[in-house]
Amino acid sequence: MTEVSKAGFGKNLKNEAAEIYTLKNAKVEAKITTYGATLVSVRTADRHGKVADVVLGYDNLRGFLEDTCFLGATVGRFGNRIAKGAFAIDGHKYQLPLNNGENSLHGGPDGFDKKIWAAKPGANSVAFTLVSPDGDMGYPGTLTVEVVYTLEESGLRIDYTATTDKATVVNLTNHSYFNLHGDDQGDILDHEIQINADHFTPTNAGLIPTGELAEVAGTPLDFRTSTKIGQRIGAAYEPLLLAGGYDHNFVLNGANGAMKQAAKLVDPVSGRTMTVSTTEPGIQLYTGNFLNGAVGRHGVQYTKNKALCLETQHFPDSPNQPAFPTTLLKAGETLHSTTIFTFGTN
């Protein structure tokens, strides 16, 4: 049995009311707000039965309004970076606002993470809907997006669906920061991770892919066997130095569109585990390199390496990389992808 409930969560700067929904069963409790369709909280037990929150978040809406690190947010239209904020469709060039140096990041300065979404609860789920008008943050087409959070046993499933009335580019993901110790305990450098990827997409200094698919073998990005995050994070390896740690897209083994295990994260101390499965072709491992010390729940400062993101996605800058899996969505087509975060213990 899953309990589904809702409560008020304050108002944004436009005086629009936000709500927060709670999905709870015997194994997992998840809270999601209509502001940014944001995952606020995930509570689950360790090997001794002690329950803790394993994602970073804030106690109230104000924290999310002031946040600059996309904590828990649904990001779009385009998660990750687009070089120089520019791309073309059928010869027509589009220019997006730049919010990450000379690039566009996570849909721009007023992306999906800043919007109030409509919500509809189900038996064990909540569906969040947003209509992004033609020209929103420079993107073409009126895009209708639905993001459904469903609690299934010990798994939190996220289903993304999008349709458009004009050709556009779309890359939706969730930007939760995970710490399996608990959000008020330590950092993630002692977490162990396994990523099912033989290749990654190297980047330039602006973290824009070069277009190459490089082998992880023999590099600090080889997580094909479970390895401590901190074991090689300080290596004198150019991709790590450019990003200030891990902030890399891994090319997942297995077919794009097919459900596959992407990664498994383990906290040896608490025994908590998290498995990530997805239909997406890539996953971004980001070790919180730019967390800026904002004060979250429990009065804890969220500083570098406090938590990590595992963002299932199409590859960064795909609209400008014809060899990458396409992010083009045409009128009459439906985008659908699924990601499942499954929690357990060793």
C-alpha atoms as a PDB file:
ATOM      1  CA  MET A   1       0.000   0.000   0.000  1.00  0.00           C
ATOM      2  CA  THR A   2       1.180   3.495  -0.866  1.00  0.00           C
ATOM      3  CA  GLU A   3      -0.141   6.559   0.908  1.00  0.00           C
ATOM      4  CA  VAL A   4      -0.436   9.702  -1.235  1.00  0.00           C
ATOM      5  CA  SER A   5      -0.985  13.052   0.459  1.00  0.00           C
ATOM      6  CA  LYS A   6      -0.431  16.730  -0.253  1.00  0.00           C
ATOM      7  CA  ALA A   7       0.161  19.941   1.670  1.00  0.00           C
ATOM      8  CA  GLY A   8       0.872  23.593   0.971  1.00  0.00           C
ATOM      9  CA  PHE A   9       4.509  24.548   0.359  1.00  0.00           C
ATOM     10  CA  GLY A  10       4.438  28.347   0.225  1.00  0.00           C
ATOM     11  CA  LYS A  11       4.389  30.809  -2.671  1.00  0.00           C
ATOM     12  CA  ASN A  12       6.955  31.750  -5.276  1.00  0.00           C
ATOM     13  CA  LEU A  13       8.044  35.301  -6.184  1.00  0.00           C
ATOM     14  CA  LYS A  14       5.028  35.624  -8.506  1.00  0.00           C
ATOM     15  CA  ASN A  15       2.724  34.813  -5.558  1.00  0.00           C
ATOM     16  CA  GLU A  16       1.835  31.450  -7.129  1.00  0.00           C
ATOM     17  CA  ALA A  17       1.108  28.708  -4.597  1.00  0.00           C
ATOM     18  CA  ALA A  18       3.235  25.571  -4.567  1.00  0.00           C
ATOM     19  CA  GLU A  19       2.197  22.206  -3.149  1.00  0.00           C
ATOM     20  CA  ILE A  20       4.207  19.279  -1.848  1.00  0.00           C
ATOM     21  CA  TYR A  21       3.118  15.665  -2.347  1.00  0.00           C
ATOM     22  CA  THR A  22       4.198  12.710  -0.228  1.00  0.00           C
ATOM     23  CA  LEU A  23       4.366   9.135  -1.538  1.00  0.00           C
ATOM     24  CA  LYS A  24       4.941   6.656   1.266  1.00  0.00           C
ATOM     25  CA  ASN A  25       5.038   2.865   1.577  1.00  0.00           C
ATOM     26  CA  ALA A  26       6.739   0.476   3.983  1.00  0.00           C
ATOM     27  CA  LYS A  27      10.183   0.943   2.393  1.00  0.00           C
ATOM     28  CA  VAL A  28      10.458   4.436   0.917  1.00  0.00           C
ATOM     29  CA  GLU A  29       8.990   7.888   1.457  1.00  0.00           C
ATOM     30  CA  ALA A  30       9.377  10.485  -1.310  1.00  0.00           C
ATOM     31  CA  LYS A  31       8.290  14.126  -1.323  1.00  0.00           C
ATOM     32  CA  ILE A  32       7.902  16.103  -4.542  1.00  0.00           C
ATOM     33  CA  THR A  33       6.871  19.732  -4.942  1.00  0.00           C
ATOM     34  CA  THR A  34       5.021  21.322  -7.831  1.00  0.00           C
ATOM     35  CA  TYR A  35       7.801  23.946  -7.936  1.00  0.00           C
ATOM     36  CA  GLY A  36      10.091  22.554 -10.625  1.00  0.00           C
ATOM     37  CA  ALA A  37       8.504  19.074 -10.259  1.00  0.00           C
ATOM     38  CA  THR A  38      11.317  18.840  -7.711  1.00  0.00           C
ATOM     39  CA  LEU A  39      12.220  15.781  -5.645  1.00  0.00           C
ATOM     40  CA  VAL A  40      12.500  17.301  -2.171  1.00  0.00           C
ATOM     41  CA  SER A  41      13.138  14.236  -0.032  1.00  0.00           C
ATOM     42  CA  VAL A  42      13.704  10.467  -0.184  1.00  0.00           C
ATOM     43  CA  ARG A  43      13.735   8.639   3.142  1.00  0.00           C
ATOM     44  CA  THR A  44      14.828   5.027   3.409  1.00  0.00           C
ATOM     45  CA  ALA A  45      16.387   2.722   6.018  1.00  0.00           C
ATOM     46  CA  ASP A  46      19.968   1.540   6.448  1.00  0.00           C
ATOM     47  CA  ARG A  47      21.019  -2.051   7.256  1.00  0.00           C
ATOM     48  CA  HIS A  48      20.062  -1.478  10.919  1.00  0.00           C
ATOM     49  CA  GLY A  49      16.640  -0.035  10.112  1.00  0.00           C
ATOM     50  CA  LYS A  50      17.622   3.596  10.777  1.00  0.00           C
ATOM     51  CA  VAL A  51      15.756   5.893   8.397  1.00  0.00           C
ATOM     52  CA  ALA A  52      17.449   8.940   6.868  1.00  0.00           C
ATOM     53  CA  ASP A  53      16.976  11.336   3.984  1.00  0.00           C
ATOM     54  CA  VAL A  54      19.295  10.382   1.121  1.00  0.00           C
ATOM     55  CA  VAL A  55      18.821  13.444  -1.118  1.00  0.00           C
ATOM     56  CA  LEU A  56      19.795  17.051  -0.447  1.00  0.00           C
ATOM     57  CA  GLY A  57      16.947  19.497  -0.025  1.00  0.00           C
ATOM     58  CA  TYR A  58      15.422  22.376   1.902  1.00  0.00           C
ATOM     59  CA  ASP A  59      12.768  22.578   4.609  1.00  0.00           C
ATOM     60  CA  ASN A  60      10.694  25.151   2.731  1.00  0.00           C
ATOM     61  CA  LEU A  61      10.056  26.652  -0.686  1.00  0.00           C
ATOM     62  CA  ARG A  62      12.290  29.639   0.026  1.00  0.00           C
ATOM     63  CA  GLY A  63      15.345  27.376   0.007  1.00  0.00           C
ATOM     64  CA  PHE A  64      14.473  26.112  -3.461  1.00  0.00           C
ATOM     65  CA  LEU A  65      13.709  29.630  -4.723  1.00  0.00           C
ATOM     66  CA  GLU A  66      17.187  30.759  -3.642  1.00  0.00           C
ATOM     67  CA  ASP A  67      18.942  27.569  -4.773  1.00  0.00           C
ATOM     68  CA  THR A  68      21.363  27.841  -7.708  1.00  0.00           C
ATOM     69  CA  CYS A  69      22.394  24.171  -7.944  1.00  0.00           C
ATOM     70  CA  PHE A  70      19.158  22.602  -9.291  1.00  0.00           C
ATOM     71  CA  LEU A  71      18.618  20.475  -6.147  1.00  0.00           C
ATOM     72  CA  GLY A  72      16.139  17.716  -7.030  1.00  0.00           C
ATOM     73  CA  ALA A  73      14.725  19.616  -9.998  1.00  0.00           C
ATOM     74  CA  THR A  74      13.240  18.401 -13.231  1.00  0.00           C
ATOM     75  CA  VAL A  75      15.462  20.231 -15.716  1.00  0.00           C
ATOM     76  CA  GLY A  76      14.461  21.175 -19.244  1.00  0.00           C
ATOM     77  CA  ARG A  77      13.822  21.796 -21.984  1.00  0.00           C
ATOM     78  CA  PHE A  78      17.371  20.644 -22.355  1.00  0.00           C
ATOM     79  CA  GLY A  79      19.284  19.110 -19.463  1.00  0.00           C
ATOM     80  CA  ASN A  80      23.054  19.668 -19.507  1.00  0.00           C
ATOM     81  CA  ARG A  81      24.855  22.074 -21.860  1.00  0.00           C
ATOM     82  CA  ILE A  82      24.313  23.425 -25.368  1.00  0.00           C
ATOM     83  CA  ALA A  83      27.427  25.040 -26.839  1.00  0.00           C
ATOM     84  CA  LYS A  84      27.108  28.819 -27.177  1.00  0.00           C
ATOM     85  CA  GLY A  85      23.363  28.347 -26.535  1.00  0.00           C
ATOM     86  CA  ALA A  86      22.842  27.866 -30.269  1.00  0.00           C
ATOM     87  CA  PHE A  87      21.527  25.160 -32.568  1.00  0.00           C
ATOM     88  CA  ALA A  88      19.712  24.814 -35.870  1.00  0.00           C
ATOM     89  CA  ILE A  89      16.667  22.831 -37.010  1.00  0.00           C
ATOM     90  CA  ASP A  90      16.014  22.509 -40.747  1.00  0.00           C
ATOM     91  CA  GLY A  91      18.398  25.376 -41.416  1.00  0.00           C
ATOM     92  CA  HIS A  92      16.719  27.746 -38.944  1.00  0.00           C
ATOM     93  CA  LYS A  93      19.035  28.924 -36.188  1.00  0.00           C
ATOM     94  CA  TYR A  94      17.887  29.370 -32.610  1.00  0.00           C
ATOM     95  CA  GLN A  95      19.664  31.313 -29.871  1.00  0.00           C
ATOM     96  CA  LEU A  96      19.142  30.560 -26.170  1.00  0.00           C
ATOM     97  CA  PRO A  97      20.095  32.755 -23.211  1.00  0.00           C
ATOM     98  CA  LEU A  98      23.555  31.952 -21.833  1.00  0.00           C
ATOM     99  CA  ASN A  99      23.693  30.998 -18.146  1.00  0.00           C
ATOM    100  CA  ASN A 100      26.899  28.935 -17.918  1.00  0.00           C
ATOM    101  CA  GLY A 101      29.753  31.014 -19.287  1.00  0.00           C
ATOM    102  CA  GLU A 102      29.294  31.079 -23.049  1.00  0.00           C
ATOM    103  CA  ASN A 103      26.898  28.119 -22.958  1.00  0.00           C
ATOM    104  CA  SER A 104      23.293  27.366 -22.063  1.00  0.00           C
ATOM    105  CA  LEU A 105      22.784  24.999 -19.109  1.00  0.00           C
ATOM    106  CA  HIS A 106      19.699  23.027 -18.011  1.00  0.00           C
ATOM    107  CA  GLY A 107      17.203  24.956 -20.143  1.00  0.00           C
ATOM    108  CA  GLY A 108      18.414  28.452 -19.281  1.00  0.00           C
ATOM    109  CA  PRO A 109      17.963  30.897 -16.391  1.00  0.00           C
ATOM    110  CA  ASP A 110      14.168  30.428 -16.323  1.00  0.00           C
ATOM    111  CA  GLY A 111      13.895  26.746 -17.137  1.00  0.00           C
ATOM    112  CA  PHE A 112      11.453  24.046 -16.066  1.00  0.00           C
ATOM    113  CA  ASP A 113      13.048  23.997 -12.589  1.00  0.00           C
ATOM    114  CA  LYS A 114      11.611  27.495 -11.945  1.00  0.00           C
ATOM    115  CA  LYS A 115       8.015  26.770 -13.008  1.00  0.00           C
ATOM    116  CA  ILE A 116       4.943  25.761 -11.009  1.00  0.00           C
ATOM    117  CA  TRP A 117       3.679  22.500 -12.521  1.00  0.00           C
ATOM    118  CA  ALA A 118       0.103  21.195 -12.396  1.00  0.00           C
ATOM    119  CA  ALA A 119      -0.239  18.009 -10.332  1.00  0.00           C
ATOM    120  CA  LYS A 120      -2.629  15.062 -10.352  1.00  0.00           C
ATOM    121  CA  PRO A 121      -2.265  12.319  -7.708  1.00  0.00           C
ATOM    122  CA  GLY A 122      -2.836   8.637  -8.475  1.00  0.00           C
ATOM    123  CA  ALA A 123      -3.018   5.485  -6.354  1.00  0.00           C
ATOM    124  CA  ASN A 124       0.763   5.314  -5.883  1.00  0.00           C
ATOM    125  CA  SER A 125       1.940   8.221  -8.039  1.00  0.00           C
ATOM    126  CA  VAL A 126       1.750  11.916  -8.813  1.00  0.00           C
ATOM    127  CA  ALA A 127       1.710  13.246 -12.386  1.00  0.00           C
ATOM    128  CA  PHE A 128       3.153  16.712 -12.973  1.00  0.00           C
ATOM    129  CA  THR A 129       2.289  18.601 -16.174  1.00  0.00           C
ATOM    130  CA  LEU A 130       3.785  21.731 -17.736  1.00  0.00           C
ATOM    131  CA  VAL A 131       3.086  23.542 -20.991  1.00  0.00           C
ATOM    132  CA  SER A 132       6.133  25.407 -22.275  1.00  0.00           C
ATOM    133  CA  PRO A 133       5.047  27.989 -24.893  1.00  0.00           C
ATOM    134  CA  ASP A 134       6.664  28.523 -28.291  1.00  0.00           C
ATOM    135  CA  GLY A 135       9.773  30.656 -27.781  1.00  0.00           C
ATOM    136  CA  ASP A 136      10.159  29.795 -24.083  1.00  0.00           C
ATOM    137  CA  MET A 137      13.865  30.408 -23.285  1.00  0.00           C
ATOM    138  CA  GLY A 138      14.427  30.614 -27.044  1.00  0.00           C
ATOM    139  CA  TYR A 139      13.210  27.093 -27.827  1.00  0.00           C
ATOM    140  CA  PRO A 140      10.787  26.563 -30.718  1.00  0.00           C
ATOM    141  CA  GLY A 141       7.375  24.924 -30.435  1.00  0.00           C
ATOM    142  CA  THR A 142       4.754  24.628 -27.717  1.00  0.00           C
ATOM    143  CA  LEU A 143       5.973  21.671 -25.665  1.00  0.00           C
ATOM    144  CA  THR A 144       3.664  19.743 -23.316  1.00  0.00           C
ATOM    145  CA  VAL A 145       5.541  17.738 -20.703  1.00  0.00           C
ATOM    146  CA  GLU A 146       4.333  15.177 -18.166  1.00  0.00           C
ATOM    147  CA  VAL A 147       6.598  13.808 -15.434  1.00  0.00           C
ATOM    148  CA  VAL A 148       5.122  10.989 -13.325  1.00  0.00           C
ATOM    149  CA  TYR A 149       6.717   9.940 -10.028  1.00  0.00           C
ATOM    150  CA  THR A 150       5.578   6.454  -8.963  1.00  0.00           C
ATOM    151  CA  LEU A 151       6.514   4.534  -5.829  1.00  0.00           C
ATOM    152  CA  GLU A 152       6.954   0.821  -6.625  1.00  0.00           C
ATOM    153  CA  GLU A 153       8.077  -1.308  -3.656  1.00  0.00           C
ATOM    154  CA  SER A 154      11.583   0.058  -2.940  1.00  0.00           C
ATOM    155  CA  GLY A 155      11.851   1.932  -6.238  1.00  0.00           C
ATOM    156  CA  LEU A 156      11.022   5.483  -7.266  1.00  0.00           C
ATOM    157  CA  ARG A 157      10.103   5.459 -10.947  1.00  0.00           C
ATOM    158  CA  ILE A 158      10.124   8.619 -13.056  1.00  0.00           C
ATOM    159  CA  ASP A 159       8.364   8.577 -16.442  1.00  0.00           C
ATOM    160  CA  TYR A 160       8.866  11.480 -18.823  1.00  0.00           C
ATOM    161  CA  THR A 161       6.530  12.203 -21.758  1.00  0.00           C
ATOM    162  CA  ALA A 162       6.617  15.176 -24.138  1.00  0.00           C
ATOM    163  CA  THR A 163       4.830  16.309 -27.289  1.00  0.00           C
ATOM    164  CA  THR A 164       5.300  19.406 -29.443  1.00  0.00           C
ATOM    165  CA  ASP A 165       3.468  21.270 -32.189  1.00  0.00           C
ATOM    166  CA  LYS A 166       6.736  22.250 -33.915  1.00  0.00           C
ATOM    167  CA  ALA A 167      10.148  20.602 -34.225  1.00  0.00           C
ATOM    168  CA  THR A 168      12.255  21.276 -31.137  1.00  0.00           C
ATOM    169  CA  VAL A 169      14.985  19.696 -29.011  1.00  0.00           C
ATOM    170  CA  VAL A 170      14.280  18.025 -25.659  1.00  0.00           C
ATOM    171  CA  ASN A 171      16.469  16.386 -23.012  1.00  0.00           C
ATOM    172  CA  LEU A 172      14.684  15.876 -19.683  1.00  0.00           C
ATOM    173  CA  THR A 173      16.293  14.625 -16.488  1.00  0.00           C
ATOM    174  CA  ASN A 174      16.154  14.768 -12.702  1.00  0.00           C
ATOM    175  CA  HIS A 175      18.895  16.637 -10.865  1.00  0.00           C
ATOM    176  CA  SER A 176      18.738  15.083  -7.385  1.00  0.00           C
ATOM    177  CA  TYR A 177      21.868  15.028  -5.235  1.00  0.00           C
ATOM    178  CA  PHE A 178      22.304  11.708  -3.395  1.00  0.00           C
ATOM    179  CA  ASN A 179      24.209  10.942  -0.191  1.00  0.00           C
ATOM    180  CA  LEU A 180      23.444   7.434   1.078  1.00  0.00           C
ATOM    181  CA  HIS A 181      24.921   8.212   4.509  1.00  0.00           C
ATOM    182  CA  GLY A 182      22.021  10.621   4.975  1.00  0.00           C
ATOM    183  CA  ASP A 183      21.809  14.267   3.937  1.00  0.00           C
ATOM    184  CA  ASP A 184      23.302  15.466   7.248  1.00  0.00           C
ATOM    185  CA  GLN A 185      26.243  13.026   7.323  1.00  0.00           C
ATOM    186  CA  GLY A 186      29.667  13.317   5.713  1.00  0.00           C
ATOM    187  CA  ASP A 187      30.378  13.374   1.988  1.00  0.00           C
ATOM    188  CA  ILE A 188      30.225  10.861  -0.874  1.00  0.00           C
ATOM    189  CA  LEU A 189      33.944  10.265  -1.438  1.00  0.00           C
ATOM    190  CA  ASP A 190      33.730   6.901   0.374  1.00  0.00           C
ATOM    191  CA  HIS A 191      30.696   5.780  -1.657  1.00  0.00           C
ATOM    192  CA  GLU A 192      31.388   3.018  -4.175  1.00  0.00           C
ATOM    193  CA  ILE A 193      29.933   3.213  -7.669  1.00  0.00           C
ATOM    194  CA  GLN A 194      29.649   0.916 -10.650  1.00  0.00           C
ATOM    195  CA  ILE A 195      28.644   2.357 -14.034  1.00  0.00           C
ATOM    196  CA  ASN A 196      27.785   0.110 -16.987  1.00  0.00           C
ATOM    197  CA  ALA A 197      29.658   2.105 -19.606  1.00  0.00           C
ATOM    198  CA  ASP A 198      32.681   1.295 -21.777  1.00  0.00           C
ATOM    199  CA  HIS A 199      32.861   4.858 -23.156  1.00  0.00           C
ATOM    200  CA  PHE A 200      32.399   8.474 -22.117  1.00  0.00           C
ATOM    201  CA  THR A 201      32.139  11.785 -23.991  1.00  0.00           C
ATOM    202  CA  PRO A 202      35.280  13.909 -23.395  1.00  0.00           C
ATOM    203  CA  THR A 203      34.749  17.666 -23.152  1.00  0.00           C
ATOM    204  CA  ASN A 204      36.618  20.917 -23.652  1.00  0.00           C
ATOM    205  CA  ALA A 205      37.247  23.462 -20.888  1.00  0.00           C
ATOM    206  CA  GLY A 206      33.618  24.643 -21.135  1.00  0.00           C
ATOM    207  CA  LEU A 207      32.453  21.052 -20.514  1.00  0.00           C
ATOM    208  CA  ILE A 208      31.122  20.791 -24.082  1.00  0.00           C
ATOM    209  CA  PRO A 209      31.680  17.379 -25.734  1.00  0.00           C
ATOM    210  CA  THR A 210      34.374  17.171 -28.388  1.00  0.00           C
ATOM    211  CA  GLY A 211      32.261  14.630 -30.279  1.00  0.00           C
ATOM    212  CA  GLU A 212      34.578  11.753 -29.459  1.00  0.00           C
ATOM    213  CA  LEU A 213      33.447   8.569 -27.713  1.00  0.00           C
ATOM    214  CA  ALA A 214      36.502   7.679 -25.632  1.00  0.00           C
ATOM    215  CA  GLU A 215      37.145   4.389 -23.882  1.00  0.00           C
ATOM    216  CA  VAL A 216      37.050   4.466 -20.078  1.00  0.00           C
ATOM    217  CA  ALA A 217      39.616   1.635 -19.914  1.00  0.00           C
ATOM    218  CA  GLY A 218      42.842   2.753 -18.301  1.00  0.00           C
ATOM    219  CA  THR A 219      41.385   6.063 -17.075  1.00  0.00           C
ATOM    220  CA  PRO A 220      40.015   7.339 -13.728  1.00  0.00           C
ATOM    221  CA  LEU A 221      36.573   7.200 -15.399  1.00  0.00           C
ATOM    222  CA  ASP A 222      36.558   3.391 -15.510  1.00  0.00           C
ATOM    223  CA  PHE A 223      33.767   2.394 -13.126  1.00  0.00           C
ATOM    224  CA  ARG A 224      32.915  -0.899 -14.813  1.00  0.00           C
ATOM    225  CA  THR A 225      33.793  -2.526 -11.493  1.00  0.00           C
ATOM    226  CA  SER A 226      32.656  -0.929  -8.244  1.00  0.00           C
ATOM    227  CA  THR A 227      35.160   1.720  -7.152  1.00  0.00           C
ATOM    228  CA  LYS A 228      35.277   4.346  -4.407  1.00  0.00           C
ATOM    229  CA  ILE A 229      34.378   7.810  -5.704  1.00  0.00           C
ATOM    230  CA  GLY A 230      37.344   9.375  -3.935  1.00  0.00           C
ATOM    231  CA  GLN A 231      39.893   6.806  -5.046  1.00  0.00           C
ATOM    232  CA  ARG A 232      40.871   8.611  -8.275  1.00  0.00           C
ATOM    233  CA  ILE A 233      38.955  11.900  -8.134  1.00  0.00           C
ATOM    234  CA  GLY A 234      42.171  13.849  -7.507  1.00  0.00           C
ATOM    235  CA  ALA A 235      44.141  12.216 -10.319  1.00  0.00           C
ATOM    236  CA  ALA A 236      46.173  14.457 -12.637  1.00  0.00           C
ATOM    237  CA  TYR A 237      43.918  13.552 -15.567  1.00  0.00           C
ATOM    238  CA  GLU A 238      42.782  16.349 -17.862  1.00  0.00           C
ATOM    239  CA  PRO A 239      39.024  15.550 -17.917  1.00  0.00           C
ATOM    240  CA  LEU A 240      38.984  15.558 -14.097  1.00  0.00           C
ATOM    241  CA  LEU A 241      41.031  18.757 -13.868  1.00  0.00           C
ATOM    242  CA  LEU A 242      38.755  20.556 -16.343  1.00  0.00           C
ATOM    243  CA  ALA A 243      35.626  19.612 -14.381  1.00  0.00           C
ATOM    244  CA  GLY A 244      37.025  19.940 -10.853  1.00  0.00           C
ATOM    245  CA  GLY A 245      36.084  16.312 -10.216  1.00  0.00           C
ATOM    246  CA  TYR A 246      33.600  14.055 -11.939  1.00  0.00           C
ATOM    247  CA  ASP A 247      31.131  15.856 -14.208  1.00  0.00           C
ATOM    248  CA  HIS A 248      31.031  13.502 -17.161  1.00  0.00           C
ATOM    249  CA  ASN A 249      28.526  11.844 -19.454  1.00  0.00           C
ATOM    250  CA  PHE A 250      28.935   8.077 -19.691  1.00  0.00           C
ATOM    251  CA  VAL A 251      27.746   6.222 -22.803  1.00  0.00           C
ATOM    252  CA  LEU A 252      25.690   3.396 -21.365  1.00  0.00           C
ATOM    253  CA  ASN A 253      26.113  -0.137 -22.652  1.00  0.00           C
ATOM    254  CA  GLY A 254      22.847  -1.379 -24.160  1.00  0.00           C
ATOM    255  CA  ALA A 255      20.363  -0.006 -26.645  1.00  0.00           C
ATOM    256  CA  ASN A 256      18.969   3.523 -26.445  1.00  0.00           C
ATOM    257  CA  GLY A 257      15.291   3.174 -25.504  1.00  0.00           C
ATOM    258  CA  ALA A 258      15.714  -0.209 -23.797  1.00  0.00           C
ATOM    259  CA  MET A 259      15.558  -0.463 -20.004  1.00  0.00           C
ATOM    260  CA  LYS A 260      18.991  -1.303 -18.578  1.00  0.00           C
ATOM    261  CA  GLN A 261      20.928  -0.984 -15.340  1.00  0.00           C
ATOM    262  CA  ALA A 262      23.013   2.161 -15.629  1.00  0.00           C
ATOM    263  CA  ALA A 263      24.700   2.392 -12.242  1.00  0.00           C
ATOM    264  CA  LYS A 264      24.810   1.065  -8.693  1.00  0.00           C
ATOM    265  CA  LEU A 265      25.816   3.230  -5.745  1.00  0.00           C
ATOM    266  CA  VAL A 266      26.805   1.684  -2.404  1.00  0.00           C
ATOM    267  CA  ASP A 267      27.497   3.250   0.989  1.00  0.00           C
ATOM    268  CA  PRO A 268      29.683   0.694   2.846  1.00  0.00           C
ATOM    269  CA  VAL A 269      29.046   2.448   6.177  1.00  0.00           C
ATOM    270  CA  SER A 270      25.238   2.420   6.316  1.00  0.00           C
ATOM    271  CA  GLY A 271      24.805  -0.469   3.877  1.00  0.00           C
ATOM    272  CA  ARG A 272      22.368   1.568   1.790  1.00  0.00           C
ATOM    273  CA  THR A 273      22.418   0.917  -1.951  1.00  0.00           C
ATOM    274  CA  MET A 274      20.823   2.652  -4.928  1.00  0.00           C
ATOM    275  CA  THR A 275      20.477   1.110  -8.369  1.00  0.00           C
ATOM    276  CA  VAL A 276      19.712   3.334 -11.352  1.00  0.00           C
ATOM    277  CA  SER A 277      17.931   1.821 -14.363  1.00  0.00           C
ATOM    278  CA  THR A 278      16.977   3.818 -17.431  1.00  0.00           C
ATOM    279  CA  THR A 279      15.924   3.818 -21.077  1.00  0.00           C
ATOM    280  CA  GLU A 280      18.244   6.775 -21.737  1.00  0.00           C
ATOM    281  CA  PRO A 281      21.545   6.349 -23.649  1.00  0.00           C
ATOM    282  CA  GLY A 282      23.676   8.254 -21.125  1.00  0.00           C
ATOM    283  CA  ILE A 283      24.196   9.106 -17.480  1.00  0.00           C
ATOM    284  CA  GLN A 284      26.018  12.100 -16.016  1.00  0.00           C
ATOM    285  CA  LEU A 285      28.054  11.451 -12.886  1.00  0.00           C
ATOM    286  CA  TYR A 286      28.438  14.801 -11.120  1.00  0.00           C
ATOM    287  CA  THR A 287      30.188  14.918  -7.752  1.00  0.00           C
ATOM    288  CA  GLY A 288      28.805  18.253  -6.568  1.00  0.00           C
ATOM    289  CA  ASN A 289      31.921  20.156  -7.624  1.00  0.00           C
ATOM    290  CA  PHE A 290      30.077  23.486  -7.677  1.00  0.00           C
ATOM    291  CA  LEU A 291      27.978  23.121  -4.515  1.00  0.00           C
ATOM    292  CA  ASN A 292      28.364  26.543  -2.954  1.00  0.00           C
ATOM    293  CA  GLY A 293      27.796  26.084   0.770  1.00  0.00           C
ATOM    294  CA  ALA A 294      24.064  26.826   0.800  1.00  0.00           C
ATOM    295  CA  VAL A 295      22.442  25.787   4.076  1.00  0.00           C
ATOM    296  CA  GLY A 296      20.003  22.914   3.643  1.00  0.00           C
ATOM    297  CA  ARG A 297      18.024  20.714   6.001  1.00  0.00           C
ATOM    298  CA  HIS A 298      19.324  20.311   9.569  1.00  0.00           C
ATOM    299  CA  GLY A 299      21.351  23.533   9.122  1.00  0.00           C
ATOM    300  CA  VAL A 300      23.948  21.575   7.154  1.00  0.00           C
ATOM    301  CA  GLN A 301      26.106  23.372   4.582  1.00  0.00           C
ATOM    302  CA  TYR A 302      26.022  21.786   1.156  1.00  0.00           C
ATOM    303  CA  THR A 303      29.665  22.028   0.088  1.00  0.00           C
ATOM    304  CA  LYS A 304      31.770  20.334  -2.611  1.00  0.00           C
ATOM    305  CA  ASN A 305      31.381  16.523  -2.722  1.00  0.00           C
ATOM    306  CA  LYS A 306      28.556  16.581  -0.145  1.00  0.00           C
ATOM    307  CA  ALA A 307      26.452  14.544  -2.595  1.00  0.00           C
ATOM    308  CA  LEU A 308      26.437  13.341  -6.188  1.00  0.00           C
ATOM    309  CA  CYS A 309      24.047  13.390  -9.119  1.00  0.00           C
ATOM    310  CA  LEU A 310      23.315  10.523 -11.487  1.00  0.00           C
ATOM    311  CA  GLU A 311      21.449  12.286 -14.281  1.00  0.00           C
ATOM    312  CA  THR A 312      20.041   9.906 -16.887  1.00  0.00           C
ATOM    313  CA  GLN A 313      20.020  11.722 -20.192  1.00  0.00           C
ATOM    314  CA  HIS A 314      20.799  12.102 -23.854  1.00  0.00           C
ATOM    315  CA  PHE A 315      24.313  13.416 -24.365  1.00  0.00           C
ATOM    316  CA  PRO A 316      25.258  17.082 -23.776  1.00  0.00           C
ATOM    317  CA  ASP A 317      25.198  19.374 -26.812  1.00  0.00           C
ATOM    318  CA  SER A 318      23.425  16.707 -28.879  1.00  0.00           C
ATOM    319  CA  PRO A 319      21.726  19.277 -31.176  1.00  0.00           C
ATOM    320  CA  ASN A 320      25.220  20.224 -32.432  1.00  0.00           C
ATOM    321  CA  GLN A 321      26.624  16.687 -32.516  1.00  0.00           C
ATOM    322  CA  PRO A 322      25.049  14.748 -35.419  1.00  0.00           C
ATOM    323  CA  ALA A 323      26.797  11.504 -34.396  1.00  0.00           C
ATOM    324  CA  PHE A 324      25.085  11.519 -30.972  1.00  0.00           C
ATOM    325  CA  PRO A 325      21.606  10.011 -30.406  1.00  0.00           C
ATOM    326  CA  THR A 326      19.158  12.660 -31.545  1.00  0.00           C
ATOM    327  CA  THR A 327      17.237  14.930 -29.167  1.00  0.00           C
ATOM    328  CA  LEU A 328      15.046  16.250 -31.983  1.00  0.00           C
ATOM    329  CA  LEU A 329      11.306  15.950 -31.324  1.00  0.00           C
ATOM    330  CA  LYS A 330       8.996  16.643 -34.243  1.00  0.00           C
ATOM    331  CA  ALA A 331       5.332  17.604 -34.318  1.00  0.00           C
ATOM    332  CA  GLY A 332       3.181  14.486 -34.051  1.00  0.00           C
ATOM    333  CA  GLU A 333       5.889  12.494 -32.257  1.00  0.00           C
ATOM    334  CA  THR A 334       5.894  11.544 -28.560  1.00  0.00           C
ATOM    335  CA  LEU A 335       9.021  11.437 -26.444  1.00  0.00           C
ATOM    336  CA  HIS A 336       8.995   8.877 -23.643  1.00  0.00           C
ATOM    337  CA  SER A 337      11.703   7.806 -21.242  1.00  0.00           C
ATOM    338  CA  THR A 338      11.837   6.088 -17.863  1.00  0.00           C
ATOM    339  CA  THR A 339      14.328   6.105 -15.005  1.00  0.00           C
ATOM    340  CA  ILE A 340      14.024   4.053 -11.806  1.00  0.00           C
ATOM    341  CA  PHE A 341      15.972   4.649  -8.587  1.00  0.00           C
ATOM    342  CA  THR A 342      15.782   1.469  -6.484  1.00  0.00           C
ATOM    343  CA  PHE A 343      16.886   1.575  -2.851  1.00  0.00           C
ATOM    344  CA  GLY A 344      18.117  -1.362  -0.787  1.00  0.00           C
ATOM    345  CA  THR A 345      20.740  -2.475   1.725  1.00  0.00           C
ATOM    346  CA  ASN A 346      23.778  -4.732   1.776  1.00  0.00           C
END
